[in-house]
C-alpha atoms as a PDB file:
ATOM      1  CA  MET A   1       0.101   0.123   0.465  1.00  0.00           C
ATOM      2  CA  LYS A   2       2.685   2.132   0.613  1.00  0.00           C
ATOM      3  CA  LYS A   3       4.567   1.545  -2.209  1.00  0.00           C
ATOM      4  CA  PHE A   4       1.715   2.241  -4.193  1.00  0.00           C
ATOM      5  CA  ILE A   5       1.014   5.956  -2.852  1.00  0.00           C
ATOM      6  CA  VAL A   6       4.598   6.893  -3.557  1.00  0.00           C
ATOM      7  CA  ALA A   7       4.179   5.578  -7.012  1.00  0.00           C
ATOM      8  CA  LEU A   8       0.809   7.759  -7.359  1.00  0.00           C
ATOM      9  CA  LEU A   9       2.047  10.753  -5.759  1.00  0.00           C
ATOM     10  CA  ALA A  10       5.147  10.482  -8.311  1.00  0.00           C
ATOM     11  CA  LEU A  11       2.239  10.261 -10.917  1.00  0.00           C
ATOM     12  CA  VAL A  12       1.077  13.387  -9.611  1.00  0.00           C
ATOM     13  CA  LEU A  13       4.111  15.419  -9.089  1.00  0.00           C
ATOM     14  CA  VAL A  14       4.944  14.650 -12.712  1.00  0.00           C
ATOM     15  CA  SER A  15       1.218  15.147 -13.907  1.00  0.00           C
ATOM     16  CA  VAL A  16       1.655  18.287 -12.090  1.00  0.00           C
ATOM     17  CA  SER A  17       4.984  19.238 -13.583  1.00  0.00           C
ATOM     18  CA  CYS A  18       3.543  18.168 -17.298  1.00  0.00           C
ATOM     19  CA  ALA A  19       0.310  20.651 -17.194  1.00  0.00           C
ATOM     20  CA  ALA A  20       2.415  24.189 -16.071  1.00  0.00           C
ATOM     21  CA  PHE A  21       3.325  23.781 -19.582  1.00  0.00           C
ATOM     22  CA  ALA A  22       1.317  21.434 -21.474  1.00  0.00           C
ATOM     23  CA  ASP A  23      -0.194  23.115 -24.076  1.00  0.00           C
ATOM     24  CA  LEU A  24       1.174  25.008 -26.950  1.00  0.00           C
ATOM     25  CA  PRO A  25       1.744  29.070 -25.249  1.00  0.00           C
ATOM     26  CA  ALA A  26      -1.005  31.867 -27.063  1.00  0.00           C
ATOM     27  CA  GLY A  27      -0.903  32.012 -30.733  1.00  0.00           C
ATOM     28  CA  TYR A  28       2.270  29.624 -30.908  1.00  0.00           C
ATOM     29  CA  LYS A  29       2.943  27.414 -33.886  1.00  0.00           C
ATOM     30  CA  ILE A  30       5.392  24.954 -33.945  1.00  0.00           C
ATOM     31  CA  MET A  31       7.249  25.352 -37.204  1.00  0.00           C
ATOM     32  CA  ASN A  32      10.520  23.738 -37.259  1.00  0.00           C
ATOM     33  CA  GLY A  33       9.402  20.808 -34.675  1.00  0.00           C
ATOM     34  CA  TYR A  34      10.637  22.100 -31.371  1.00  0.00           C
ATOM     35  CA  ASP A  35       7.789  22.830 -28.236  1.00  0.00           C
ATOM     36  CA  PRO A  36       9.396  25.009 -26.113  1.00  0.00           C
ATOM     37  CA  ALA A  37       8.005  22.962 -23.357  1.00  0.00           C
ATOM     38  CA  ASN A  38      10.817  20.591 -24.265  1.00  0.00           C
ATOM     39  CA  PHE A  39      12.951  23.545 -23.632  1.00  0.00           C
ATOM     40  CA  VAL A  40      12.885  23.175 -19.494  1.00  0.00           C
ATOM     41  CA  SER A  41      15.913  22.850 -17.626  1.00  0.00           C
ATOM     42  CA  LYS A  42      15.984  20.970 -14.507  1.00  0.00           C
ATOM     43  CA  LYS A  43      19.043  22.915 -13.450  1.00  0.00           C
ATOM     44  CA  ALA A  44      18.457  25.960 -10.891  1.00  0.00           C
ATOM     45  CA  PRO A  45      18.590  29.291 -12.556  1.00  0.00           C
ATOM     46  CA  THR A  46      21.533  30.055 -11.021  1.00  0.00           C
ATOM     47  CA  GLU A  47      23.370  27.514 -13.001  1.00  0.00           C
ATOM     48  CA  PHE A  48      22.047  28.949 -16.477  1.00  0.00           C
ATOM     49  CA  LYS A  49      24.796  29.883 -18.818  1.00  0.00           C
ATOM     50  CA  MET A  50      23.164  32.521 -21.947  1.00  0.00           C
ATOM     51  CA  ALA A  51      25.525  33.822 -25.067  1.00  0.00           C
ATOM     52  CA  VAL A  52      24.550  36.493 -26.462  1.00  0.00           C
ATOM     53  CA  ILE A  53      25.883  37.461 -29.965  1.00  0.00           C
ATOM     54  CA  VAL A  54      25.818  40.951 -31.965  1.00  0.00           C
ATOM     55  CA  LYS A  55      26.422  42.465 -35.004  1.00  0.00           C
ATOM     56  CA  GLY A  56      29.708  44.204 -34.409  1.00  0.00           C
ATOM     57  CA  VAL A  57      31.282  46.384 -31.258  1.00  0.00           C
ATOM     58  CA  ALA A  58      29.105  49.903 -32.631  1.00  0.00           C
ATOM     59  CA  GLU A  59      28.453  51.769 -29.784  1.00  0.00           C
ATOM     60  CA  TRP A  60      24.611  50.482 -30.245  1.00  0.00           C
ATOM     61  CA  PHE A  61      25.426  46.592 -29.013  1.00  0.00           C
ATOM     62  CA  SER A  62      27.310  48.336 -26.159  1.00  0.00           C
ATOM     63  CA  ARG A  63      24.006  49.976 -24.994  1.00  0.00           C
ATOM     64  CA  LEU A  64      22.065  46.255 -25.542  1.00  0.00           C
ATOM     65  CA  GLU A  65      25.397  44.514 -23.525  1.00  0.00           C
ATOM     66  CA  GLU A  66      24.125  46.786 -20.239  1.00  0.00           C
ATOM     67  CA  GLY A  67      20.793  45.749 -20.436  1.00  0.00           C
ATOM     68  CA  VAL A  68      22.216  41.498 -20.746  1.00  0.00           C
ATOM     69  CA  THR A  69      24.610  42.698 -17.881  1.00  0.00           C
ATOM     70  CA  ARG A  70      21.365  44.008 -15.944  1.00  0.00           C
ATOM     71  CA  PHE A  71      19.384  40.913 -16.674  1.00  0.00           C
ATOM     72  CA  ALA A  72      21.950  38.854 -15.353  1.00  0.00           C
ATOM     73  CA  LYS A  73      22.271  41.040 -12.062  1.00  0.00           C
ATOM     74  CA  ASP A  74      18.733  40.709 -12.097  1.00  0.00           C
ATOM     75  CA  TYR A  75      18.072  37.026 -12.164  1.00  0.00           C
ATOM     76  CA  GLY A  76      21.611  35.911 -11.081  1.00  0.00           C
ATOM     77  CA  VAL A  77      22.062  34.144 -14.281  1.00  0.00           C
ATOM     78  CA  ASP A  78      25.221  33.527 -16.135  1.00  0.00           C
ATOM     79  CA  ALA A  79      24.556  35.975 -19.219  1.00  0.00           C
ATOM     80  CA  LYS A  80      26.943  37.732 -21.478  1.00  0.00           C
ATOM     81  CA  VAL A  81      27.326  39.358 -24.888  1.00  0.00           C
ATOM     82  CA  GLN A  82      29.168  38.041 -27.470  1.00  0.00           C
ATOM     83  CA  PHE A  83      31.098  40.428 -29.749  1.00  0.00           C
ATOM     84  CA  PRO A  84      32.276  38.938 -33.327  1.00  0.00           C
ATOM     85  CA  ALA A  85      35.820  39.645 -34.522  1.00  0.00           C
ATOM     86  CA  THR A  86      33.821  41.239 -37.960  1.00  0.00           C
ATOM     87  CA  THR A  87      30.223  42.518 -38.944  1.00  0.00           C
ATOM     88  CA  ASP A  88      30.057  39.550 -41.007  1.00  0.00           C
ATOM     89  CA  ALA A  89      28.114  36.048 -40.298  1.00  0.00           C
ATOM     90  CA  ALA A  90      31.172  33.908 -40.123  1.00  0.00           C
ATOM     91  CA  SER A  91      32.379  35.034 -37.149  1.00  0.00           C
ATOM     92  CA  GLN A  92      28.700  34.884 -35.709  1.00  0.00           C
ATOM     93  CA  LEU A  93      29.077  31.484 -36.801  1.00  0.00           C
ATOM     94  CA  GLU A  94      32.739  30.994 -35.369  1.00  0.00           C
ATOM     95  CA  ILE A  95      31.162  31.674 -31.870  1.00  0.00           C
ATOM     96  CA  ILE A  96      27.811  30.157 -32.305  1.00  0.00           C
ATOM     97  CA  ASP A  97      29.875  26.777 -33.027  1.00  0.00           C
ATOM     98  CA  SER A  98      32.472  27.188 -30.371  1.00  0.00           C
ATOM     99  CA  LEU A  99      29.143  28.054 -28.014  1.00  0.00           C
ATOM    100  CA  LEU A 100      28.136  24.319 -28.660  1.00  0.00           C
ATOM    101  CA  THR A 101      31.424  22.999 -27.071  1.00  0.00           C
ATOM    102  CA  GLN A 102      30.454  24.651 -23.851  1.00  0.00           C
ATOM    103  CA  ASN A 103      27.122  23.814 -22.177  1.00  0.00           C
ATOM    104  CA  TYR A 104      25.129  26.321 -22.878  1.00  0.00           C
ATOM    105  CA  ASP A 105      21.435  26.643 -21.751  1.00  0.00           C
ATOM    106  CA  ALA A 106      20.644  29.465 -24.345  1.00  0.00           C
ATOM    107  CA  ILE A 107      21.974  31.398 -27.227  1.00  0.00           C
ATOM    108  CA  ILE A 108      20.320  35.106 -28.273  1.00  0.00           C
ATOM    109  CA  VAL A 109      21.663  36.060 -31.557  1.00  0.00           C
ATOM    110  CA  VAL A 110      21.543  39.235 -33.644  1.00  0.00           C
ATOM    111  CA  PRO A 111      22.298  38.059 -37.137  1.00  0.00           C
ATOM    112  CA  ASN A 112      24.208  39.176 -39.969  1.00  0.00           C
ATOM    113  CA  ASP A 113      22.824  36.695 -42.139  1.00  0.00           C
ATOM    114  CA  ALA A 114      20.035  34.765 -40.588  1.00  0.00           C
ATOM    115  CA  SER A 115      20.664  32.219 -43.234  1.00  0.00           C
ATOM    116  CA  ALA A 116      24.016  31.656 -43.376  1.00  0.00           C
ATOM    117  CA  LEU A 117      23.179  30.754 -38.744  1.00  0.00           C
ATOM    118  CA  GLU A 118      20.125  28.469 -39.602  1.00  0.00           C
ATOM    119  CA  GLU A 119      22.421  24.839 -39.695  1.00  0.00           C
ATOM    120  CA  SER A 120      24.404  25.553 -36.211  1.00  0.00           C
ATOM    121  CA  LEU A 121      21.059  27.293 -34.624  1.00  0.00           C
ATOM    122  CA  GLY A 122      19.664  24.052 -35.969  1.00  0.00           C
ATOM    123  CA  THR A 123      22.102  22.045 -34.144  1.00  0.00           C
ATOM    124  CA  ALA A 124      21.988  24.342 -30.923  1.00  0.00           C
ATOM    125  CA  LEU A 125      18.412  23.785 -30.885  1.00  0.00           C
ATOM    126  CA  GLU A 126      18.614  19.306 -31.434  1.00  0.00           C
ATOM    127  CA  ASN A 127      20.990  19.832 -28.619  1.00  0.00           C
ATOM    128  CA  GLY A 128      18.302  21.284 -26.357  1.00  0.00           C
ATOM    129  CA  ILE A 129      19.559  25.065 -26.091  1.00  0.00           C
ATOM    130  CA  VAL A 130      17.232  27.843 -26.132  1.00  0.00           C
ATOM    131  CA  VAL A 131      18.126  29.697 -29.525  1.00  0.00           C
ATOM    132  CA  ILE A 132      15.908  33.079 -29.339  1.00  0.00           C
ATOM    133  CA  GLY A 133      16.880  36.156 -32.289  1.00  0.00           C
ATOM    134  CA  HIS A 134      16.555  39.409 -32.690  1.00  0.00           C
ATOM    135  CA  GLU A 135      16.368  41.893 -35.538  1.00  0.00           C
ATOM    136  CA  ALA A 136      15.705  38.201 -37.140  1.00  0.00           C
ATOM    137  CA  SER A 137      11.833  38.033 -38.598  1.00  0.00           C
ATOM    138  CA  ASN A 138      13.207  35.615 -40.990  1.00  0.00           C
ATOM    139  CA  LEU A 139      15.286  33.433 -38.710  1.00  0.00           C
ATOM    140  CA  LYS A 140      13.798  29.774 -38.531  1.00  0.00           C
ATOM    141  CA  ASN A 141      15.757  27.673 -36.259  1.00  0.00           C
ATOM    142  CA  CYS A 142      14.699  29.509 -33.217  1.00  0.00           C
ATOM    143  CA  LEU A 143      12.065  29.178 -30.554  1.00  0.00           C
ATOM    144  CA  TYR A 144      11.387  32.736 -30.454  1.00  0.00           C
ATOM    145  CA  ASP A 145      12.093  36.413 -32.022  1.00  0.00           C
ATOM    146  CA  THR A 146      11.943  39.817 -30.318  1.00  0.00           C
ATOM    147  CA  GLU A 147      11.345  42.756 -31.645  1.00  0.00           C
ATOM    148  CA  ALA A 148      10.680  46.461 -29.907  1.00  0.00           C
ATOM    149  CA  PHE A 149       7.934  47.255 -32.487  1.00  0.00           C
ATOM    150  CA  ASN A 150       7.110  46.013 -35.857  1.00  0.00           C
ATOM    151  CA  ALA A 151       9.183  46.963 -39.337  1.00  0.00           C
ATOM    152  CA  SER A 152       5.685  49.392 -40.486  1.00  0.00           C
ATOM    153  CA  GLN A 153       5.320  51.170 -36.733  1.00  0.00           C
ATOM    154  CA  TYR A 154       9.396  51.659 -37.355  1.00  0.00           C
ATOM    155  CA  GLY A 155       9.190  52.773 -41.202  1.00  0.00           C
ATOM    156  CA  GLN A 156       6.228  54.834 -40.553  1.00  0.00           C
ATOM    157  CA  ALA A 157       7.896  56.936 -38.188  1.00  0.00           C
ATOM    158  CA  MET A 158      11.627  57.346 -40.094  1.00  0.00           C
ATOM    159  CA  ALA A 159       9.219  58.393 -43.189  1.00  0.00           C
ATOM    160  CA  ASP A 160       6.751  60.892 -41.475  1.00  0.00           C
ATOM    161  CA  ALA A 161      10.033  62.096 -40.084  1.00  0.00           C
ATOM    162  CA  LEU A 162      12.178  62.451 -42.846  1.00  0.00           C
ATOM    163  CA  ALA A 163       8.775  64.035 -45.078  1.00  0.00           C
ATOM    164  CA  GLU A 164       8.355  66.708 -42.206  1.00  0.00           C
ATOM    165  CA  ALA A 165      12.265  67.530 -42.995  1.00  0.00           C
ATOM    166  CA  THR A 166      12.052  68.139 -46.425  1.00  0.00           C
ATOM    167  CA  GLY A 167       8.232  69.663 -46.351  1.00  0.00           C
ATOM    168  CA  ALA A 168       7.914  65.848 -48.001  1.00  0.00           C
ATOM    169  CA  LYS A 169       9.590  66.987 -51.735  1.00  0.00           C
ATOM    170  CA  GLY A 170      12.875  66.220 -53.440  1.00  0.00           C
ATOM    171  CA  THR A 171      14.496  63.008 -54.302  1.00  0.00           C
ATOM    172  CA  TYR A 172      16.256  60.440 -51.260  1.00  0.00           C
ATOM    173  CA  ALA A 173      18.189  57.819 -50.989  1.00  0.00           C
ATOM    174  CA  ILE A 174      18.349  54.985 -48.318  1.00  0.00           C
ATOM    175  CA  MET A 175      21.395  53.033 -46.705  1.00  0.00           C
ATOM    176  CA  VAL A 176      20.863  49.938 -45.161  1.00  0.00           C
ATOM    177  CA  GLY A 177      23.790  47.616 -42.924  1.00  0.00           C
ATOM    178  CA  TYR A 178      23.991  45.043 -45.556  1.00  0.00           C
ATOM    179  CA  THR A 179      20.849  43.590 -47.779  1.00  0.00           C
ATOM    180  CA  THR A 180      21.440  40.487 -45.856  1.00  0.00           C
ATOM    181  CA  SER A 181      19.721  42.576 -42.648  1.00  0.00           C
ATOM    182  CA  ILE A 182      16.421  41.610 -42.711  1.00  0.00           C
ATOM    183  CA  THR A 183      15.351  43.655 -40.686  1.00  0.00           C
ATOM    184  CA  HIS A 184      16.675  46.391 -42.280  1.00  0.00           C
ATOM    185  CA  MET A 185      15.193  45.437 -45.426  1.00  0.00           C
ATOM    186  CA  GLU A 186      11.766  45.273 -44.104  1.00  0.00           C
ATOM    187  CA  TYR A 187      11.938  48.939 -43.021  1.00  0.00           C
ATOM    188  CA  ALA A 188      13.345  50.498 -45.436  1.00  0.00           C
ATOM    189  CA  LYS A 189      10.808  48.528 -48.468  1.00  0.00           C
ATOM    190  CA  PHE A 190       7.545  49.512 -46.235  1.00  0.00           C
ATOM    191  CA  GLU A 191       9.384  52.875 -45.853  1.00  0.00           C
ATOM    192  CA  GLN A 192       9.753  53.455 -49.747  1.00  0.00           C
ATOM    193  CA  GLU A 193       5.831  51.683 -49.998  1.00  0.00           C
ATOM    194  CA  TYR A 194       4.986  54.101 -47.690  1.00  0.00           C
ATOM    195  CA  ILE A 195       6.215  57.436 -48.426  1.00  0.00           C
ATOM    196  CA  LYS A 196       5.234  57.247 -52.194  1.00  0.00           C
ATOM    197  CA  GLN A 197       1.456  56.522 -51.384  1.00  0.00           C
ATOM    198  CA  LYS A 198       1.139  59.220 -48.666  1.00  0.00           C
ATOM    199  CA  TYR A 199       4.400  61.906 -49.962  1.00  0.00           C
ATOM    200  CA  PRO A 200       4.163  61.254 -53.698  1.00  0.00           C
ATOM    201  CA  GLU A 201       6.684  64.220 -53.887  1.00  0.00           C
ATOM    202  CA  LEU A 202       9.583  62.730 -51.968  1.00  0.00           C
ATOM    203  CA  VAL A 203      11.419  59.986 -54.592  1.00  0.00           C
ATOM    204  CA  LEU A 204      13.349  57.579 -54.004  1.00  0.00           C
ATOM    205  CA  LEU A 205      16.955  58.059 -56.121  1.00  0.00           C
ATOM    206  CA  ASN A 206      16.442  56.416 -58.939  1.00  0.00           C
ATOM    207  CA  ASP A 207      13.871  54.015 -57.722  1.00  0.00           C
ATOM    208  CA  GLU A 208      16.534  51.456 -56.434  1.00  0.00           C
ATOM    209  CA  LEU A 209      15.563  49.564 -53.186  1.00  0.00           C
ATOM    210  CA  PRO A 210      18.614  50.198 -50.457  1.00  0.00           C
ATOM    211  CA  THR A 211      19.987  53.270 -52.748  1.00  0.00           C
ATOM    212  CA  CYS A 212      23.552  51.425 -51.368  1.00  0.00           C
ATOM    213  CA  GLU A 213      24.318  49.590 -48.206  1.00  0.00           C
ATOM    214  CA  SER A 214      27.067  50.354 -45.233  1.00  0.00           C
ATOM    215  CA  GLN A 215      28.725  46.985 -44.265  1.00  0.00           C
ATOM    216  CA  GLU A 216      28.560  48.232 -40.760  1.00  0.00           C
ATOM    217  CA  SER A 217      31.019  50.399 -41.006  1.00  0.00           C
ATOM    218  CA  THR A 218      31.231  54.513 -40.646  1.00  0.00           C
ATOM    219  CA  THR A 219      33.963  54.506 -43.004  1.00  0.00           C
ATOM    220  CA  VAL A 220      32.073  52.824 -45.315  1.00  0.00           C
ATOM    221  CA  ALA A 221      28.841  55.000 -44.893  1.00  0.00           C
ATOM    222  CA  TYR A 222      31.008  57.847 -45.135  1.00  0.00           C
ATOM    223  CA  GLU A 223      32.798  56.909 -48.949  1.00  0.00           C
ATOM    224  CA  GLN A 224      28.811  56.002 -50.272  1.00  0.00           C
ATOM    225  CA  ALA A 225      27.106  58.680 -49.062  1.00  0.00           C
ATOM    226  CA  LYS A 226      29.913  60.824 -50.634  1.00  0.00           C
ATOM    227  CA  GLN A 227      29.888  59.559 -54.045  1.00  0.00           C
ATOM    228  CA  ILE A 228      26.256  59.670 -54.058  1.00  0.00           C
ATOM    229  CA  PHE A 229      26.448  63.152 -53.033  1.00  0.00           C
ATOM    230  CA  LYS A 230      28.386  63.885 -55.739  1.00  0.00           C
ATOM    231  CA  SER A 231      26.363  62.203 -58.334  1.00  0.00           C
ATOM    232  CA  ASN A 232      22.754  63.782 -56.996  1.00  0.00           C
ATOM    233  CA  PRO A 233      23.857  67.336 -55.696  1.00  0.00           C
ATOM    234  CA  GLY A 234      20.176  68.268 -55.149  1.00  0.00           C
ATOM    235  CA  LEU A 235      19.728  65.021 -53.173  1.00  0.00           C
ATOM    236  CA  VAL A 236      17.360  66.567 -49.722  1.00  0.00           C
ATOM    237  CA  GLY A 237      17.118  63.702 -47.634  1.00  0.00           C
ATOM    238  CA  PHE A 238      18.931  60.361 -46.340  1.00  0.00           C
ATOM    239  CA  ILE A 239      17.563  57.616 -44.468  1.00  0.00           C
ATOM    240  CA  CYS A 240      20.165  55.441 -42.774  1.00  0.00           C
ATOM    241  CA  HIS A 241      19.411  51.691 -40.879  1.00  0.00           C
ATOM    242  CA  CYS A 242      22.753  50.947 -39.339  1.00  0.00           C
ATOM    243  CA  SER A 243      23.655  52.479 -35.678  1.00  0.00           C
ATOM    244  CA  THR A 244      26.877  53.553 -37.064  1.00  0.00           C
ATOM    245  CA  ASP A 245      25.688  55.213 -40.795  1.00  0.00           C
ATOM    246  CA  ALA A 246      24.684  58.883 -39.627  1.00  0.00           C
ATOM    247  CA  GLY A 247      28.041  59.408 -38.642  1.00  0.00           C
ATOM    248  CA  GLY A 248      29.536  58.693 -42.055  1.00  0.00           C
ATOM    249  CA  ILE A 249      26.822  60.666 -44.124  1.00  0.00           C
ATOM    250  CA  SER A 250      26.883  63.277 -41.971  1.00  0.00           C
ATOM    251  CA  GLN A 251      30.772  63.464 -42.820  1.00  0.00           C
ATOM    252  CA  ALA A 252      30.222  63.619 -46.082  1.00  0.00           C
ATOM    253  CA  ALA A 253      27.156  65.892 -46.426  1.00  0.00           C
ATOM    254  CA  GLU A 254      29.963  68.370 -43.989  1.00  0.00           C
ATOM    255  CA  GLU A 255      32.792  68.246 -45.845  1.00  0.00           C
ATOM    256  CA  MET A 256      30.979  69.443 -49.420  1.00  0.00           C
ATOM    257  CA  GLY A 257      28.613  72.285 -48.041  1.00  0.00           C
ATOM    258  CA  LEU A 258      25.229  70.185 -47.431  1.00  0.00           C
ATOM    259  CA  LYS A 259      25.251  70.782 -43.723  1.00  0.00           C
ATOM    260  CA  GLY A 260      21.920  70.915 -42.360  1.00  0.00           C
ATOM    261  CA  LYS A 261      20.508  71.151 -46.217  1.00  0.00           C
ATOM    262  CA  VAL A 262      20.161  66.954 -46.390  1.00  0.00           C
ATOM    263  CA  LYS A 263      18.065  65.978 -43.816  1.00  0.00           C
ATOM    264  CA  ILE A 264      19.608  62.703 -42.622  1.00  0.00           C
ATOM    265  CA  VAL A 265      16.527  60.843 -40.445  1.00  0.00           C
ATOM    266  CA  ALA A 266      18.932  58.221 -38.992  1.00  0.00           C
ATOM    267  CA  ALA A 267      19.201  54.782 -36.337  1.00  0.00           C
ATOM    268  CA  GLY A 268      21.108  54.771 -33.370  1.00  0.00           C
ATOM    269  CA  VAL A 269      21.566  55.799 -30.172  1.00  0.00           C
ATOM    270  CA  PRO A 270      20.453  59.213 -29.898  1.00  0.00           C
ATOM    271  CA  SER A 271      23.329  60.730 -26.910  1.00  0.00           C
ATOM    272  CA  SER A 272      26.110  59.635 -29.576  1.00  0.00           C
ATOM    273  CA  TYR A 273      24.366  61.861 -31.859  1.00  0.00           C
ATOM    274  CA  ALA A 274      23.750  64.672 -29.947  1.00  0.00           C
ATOM    275  CA  LYS A 275      25.816  67.225 -31.116  1.00  0.00           C
ATOM    276  CA  GLU A 276      25.080  66.337 -34.355  1.00  0.00           C
ATOM    277  CA  LEU A 277      20.993  66.553 -33.592  1.00  0.00           C
ATOM    278  CA  LYS A 278      21.492  69.771 -31.443  1.00  0.00           C
ATOM    279  CA  ASP A 279      23.634  71.576 -34.875  1.00  0.00           C
ATOM    280  CA  GLY A 280      21.708  70.566 -37.580  1.00  0.00           C
ATOM    281  CA  ALA A 281      23.709  67.943 -39.265  1.00  0.00           C
ATOM    282  CA  ILE A 282      21.226  64.992 -38.616  1.00  0.00           C
ATOM    283  CA  TYR A 283      17.317  65.433 -37.955  1.00  0.00           C
ATOM    284  CA  SER A 284      16.445  63.165 -35.449  1.00  0.00           C
ATOM    285  CA  VAL A 285      17.504  59.433 -34.922  1.00  0.00           C
ATOM    286  CA  THR A 286      14.544  56.833 -35.069  1.00  0.00           C
ATOM    287  CA  THR A 287      15.475  54.044 -32.464  1.00  0.00           C
ATOM    288  CA  TRP A 288      14.462  51.623 -30.082  1.00  0.00           C
ATOM    289  CA  ASP A 289      16.533  51.365 -26.570  1.00  0.00           C
ATOM    290  CA  PRO A 290      18.487  48.201 -27.098  1.00  0.00           C
ATOM    291  CA  ALA A 291      19.293  47.807 -23.711  1.00  0.00           C
ATOM    292  CA  LEU A 292      15.768  46.785 -23.422  1.00  0.00           C
ATOM    293  CA  SER A 293      16.085  44.660 -26.500  1.00  0.00           C
ATOM    294  CA  GLY A 294      18.862  42.403 -25.154  1.00  0.00           C
ATOM    295  CA  TYR A 295      17.294  42.399 -21.161  1.00  0.00           C
ATOM    296  CA  VAL A 296      13.596  40.790 -22.929  1.00  0.00           C
ATOM    297  CA  ALA A 297      15.379  38.445 -25.228  1.00  0.00           C
ATOM    298  CA  CYS A 298      17.117  36.973 -22.062  1.00  0.00           C
ATOM    299  CA  LEU A 299      13.900  37.041 -20.296  1.00  0.00           C
ATOM    300  CA  THR A 300      12.147  35.359 -22.985  1.00  0.00           C
ATOM    301  CA  ALA A 301      14.763  32.522 -22.935  1.00  0.00           C
ATOM    302  CA  TYR A 302      14.826  33.032 -18.955  1.00  0.00           C
ATOM    303  CA  ASN A 303      10.971  32.114 -19.047  1.00  0.00           C
ATOM    304  CA  ILE A 304      11.565  28.869 -21.500  1.00  0.00           C
ATOM    305  CA  LEU A 305      14.151  27.708 -19.252  1.00  0.00           C
ATOM    306  CA  THR A 306      11.851  27.815 -16.031  1.00  0.00           C
ATOM    307  CA  GLY A 307       8.706  26.693 -18.364  1.00  0.00           C
ATOM    308  CA  VAL A 308       6.420  29.863 -18.215  1.00  0.00           C
ATOM    309  CA  PRO A 309       4.784  29.792 -21.271  1.00  0.00           C
ATOM    310  CA  VAL A 310       5.766  32.912 -23.340  1.00  0.00           C
ATOM    311  CA  GLY A 311       3.053  33.935 -26.228  1.00  0.00           C
ATOM    312  CA  GLN A 312       0.357  36.232 -27.220  1.00  0.00           C
ATOM    313  CA  GLY A 313      -0.257  38.887 -24.272  1.00  0.00           C
ATOM    314  CA  SER A 314       2.531  37.899 -22.343  1.00  0.00           C
ATOM    315  CA  ASP A 315       4.049  40.237 -19.853  1.00  0.00           C
ATOM    316  CA  LEU A 316       7.936  40.914 -21.225  1.00  0.00           C
ATOM    317  CA  SER A 317       8.185  43.582 -19.147  1.00  0.00           C
ATOM    318  CA  ALA A 318       9.734  42.621 -15.862  1.00  0.00           C
ATOM    319  CA  LYS A 319       7.115  44.771 -13.200  1.00  0.00           C
ATOM    320  CA  GLY A 320       8.793  48.025 -15.191  1.00  0.00           C
ATOM    321  CA  ALA A 321      12.496  46.967 -16.670  1.00  0.00           C
ATOM    322  CA  ALA A 322      11.611  47.116 -20.030  1.00  0.00           C
ATOM    323  CA  PRO A 323       9.077  49.374 -20.547  1.00  0.00           C
ATOM    324  CA  GLY A 324       7.381  48.284 -24.104  1.00  0.00           C
ATOM    325  CA  TYR A 325       6.683  45.082 -22.573  1.00  0.00           C
ATOM    326  CA  GLU A 326       3.728  44.457 -20.618  1.00  0.00           C
ATOM    327  CA  SER A 327       1.681  43.023 -23.005  1.00  0.00           C
ATOM    328  CA  VAL A 328       3.506  41.303 -26.937  1.00  0.00           C
ATOM    329  CA  ASN A 329       2.043  40.263 -30.004  1.00  0.00           C
ATOM    330  CA  LEU A 330       3.021  36.954 -31.458  1.00  0.00           C
ATOM    331  CA  ILE A 331       3.029  37.287 -34.793  1.00  0.00           C
ATOM    332  CA  LEU A 332       3.617  34.251 -36.898  1.00  0.00           C
ATOM    333  CA  GLY A 333       6.087  34.891 -40.188  1.00  0.00           C
ATOM    334  CA  ASP A 334       9.081  32.278 -40.731  1.00  0.00           C
ATOM    335  CA  ASN A 335       8.803  32.214 -36.637  1.00  0.00           C
ATOM    336  CA  ASN A 336       7.265  33.239 -33.888  1.00  0.00           C
ATOM    337  CA  CYS A 337       7.191  36.677 -33.448  1.00  0.00           C
ATOM    338  CA  LEU A 338       7.058  38.617 -30.126  1.00  0.00           C
ATOM    339  CA  ILE A 339       6.579  42.155 -30.182  1.00  0.00           C
ATOM    340  CA  GLY A 340       6.702  44.798 -28.181  1.00  0.00           C
ATOM    341  CA  ASN A 341       5.335  48.899 -28.634  1.00  0.00           C
ATOM    342  CA  ALA A 342       8.718  50.454 -27.692  1.00  0.00           C
ATOM    343  CA  PRO A 343       9.405  53.174 -30.106  1.00  0.00           C
ATOM    344  CA  CYS A 344      12.247  56.179 -29.236  1.00  0.00           C
ATOM    345  CA  ILE A 345      12.913  59.628 -31.238  1.00  0.00           C
ATOM    346  CA  GLY A 346      15.691  61.483 -30.499  1.00  0.00           C
ATOM    347  CA  THR A 347      15.612  65.000 -31.565  1.00  0.00           C
ATOM    348  CA  ALA A 348      17.461  68.294 -30.609  1.00  0.00           C
ATOM    349  CA  GLU A 349      15.259  69.092 -28.259  1.00  0.00           C
ATOM    350  CA  ASN A 350      14.692  66.217 -26.373  1.00  0.00           C
ATOM    351  CA  VAL A 351      18.367  63.934 -26.457  1.00  0.00           C
ATOM    352  CA  ASP A 352      19.995  65.218 -23.222  1.00  0.00           C
ATOM    353  CA  THR A 353      16.698  63.138 -22.037  1.00  0.00           C
ATOM    354  CA  LEU A 354      17.434  59.877 -24.184  1.00  0.00           C
ATOM    355  CA  PHE A 355      20.159  57.014 -23.528  1.00  0.00           C
END
């Protein structure tokens, strides 16, 4: 009888633990054969190891690292950012392949080229490692992708800023980091279509998307912008999507006597462009706080590892630590994409109050 009771109790405990995460999270769809419930860890959270792989060493990713460090302190886990040697997929791939041999519980990645990482990230999932993407709505081998907002919200903010700055007339250019950067291209495509519909007198240079790519380099951004300015002296605006682009574009504009004449609508860390915003070299910086992005991506991985379902309407704000993520939307695409509502627009007037 005693053995029967013990066995029954054990069965009940197993049933309860499974029931806590028996159903798929709200809105979730299994797209690659991996159910988040199968990634619940038996380790104590203090034993978790998480790696966050970013695109490069720009100030943007230093800010993201602040969020990861804060998360690690708040939750008592080992979470660190891994910076690639170069801004290409090969360096990111090298890091991932190394992590596969180091007993990591979660890999969070901001890919330069998602397709180049799929095989190794698939191996990570096969080995029970939680994979989370950021700026990666086309990444297939992940449990979730996390975003501050969707492409249309961001693209509209950039386009409206350009129209406001230019009087909605003239020829403009768009720069992305790489054409393989899915989020940069999504933003650019939405901007082009939105501007065509709402601001028909604003015309994309040669109607070609993108106008150029910076390869995540301020130097390349400068060289590309200078060439474009030489060939198109009547250009009125420039949208750029890599956090380092605006520095190169504004330098080229100043050297050619176009400072303030070509309206630069940029992405990046607002405080890093405070001087340029205040003296008119850059019109605005439309962005999200990468520190919050790093925090939320880590929290998503943590929830999976601890058996907390993440789906439509989930609160990933960590009780105010990440404002804008109080009720995320889960959008199905190439992956399960969690989208917050955390935009941030830096101007000359408010830059001193931003990060």
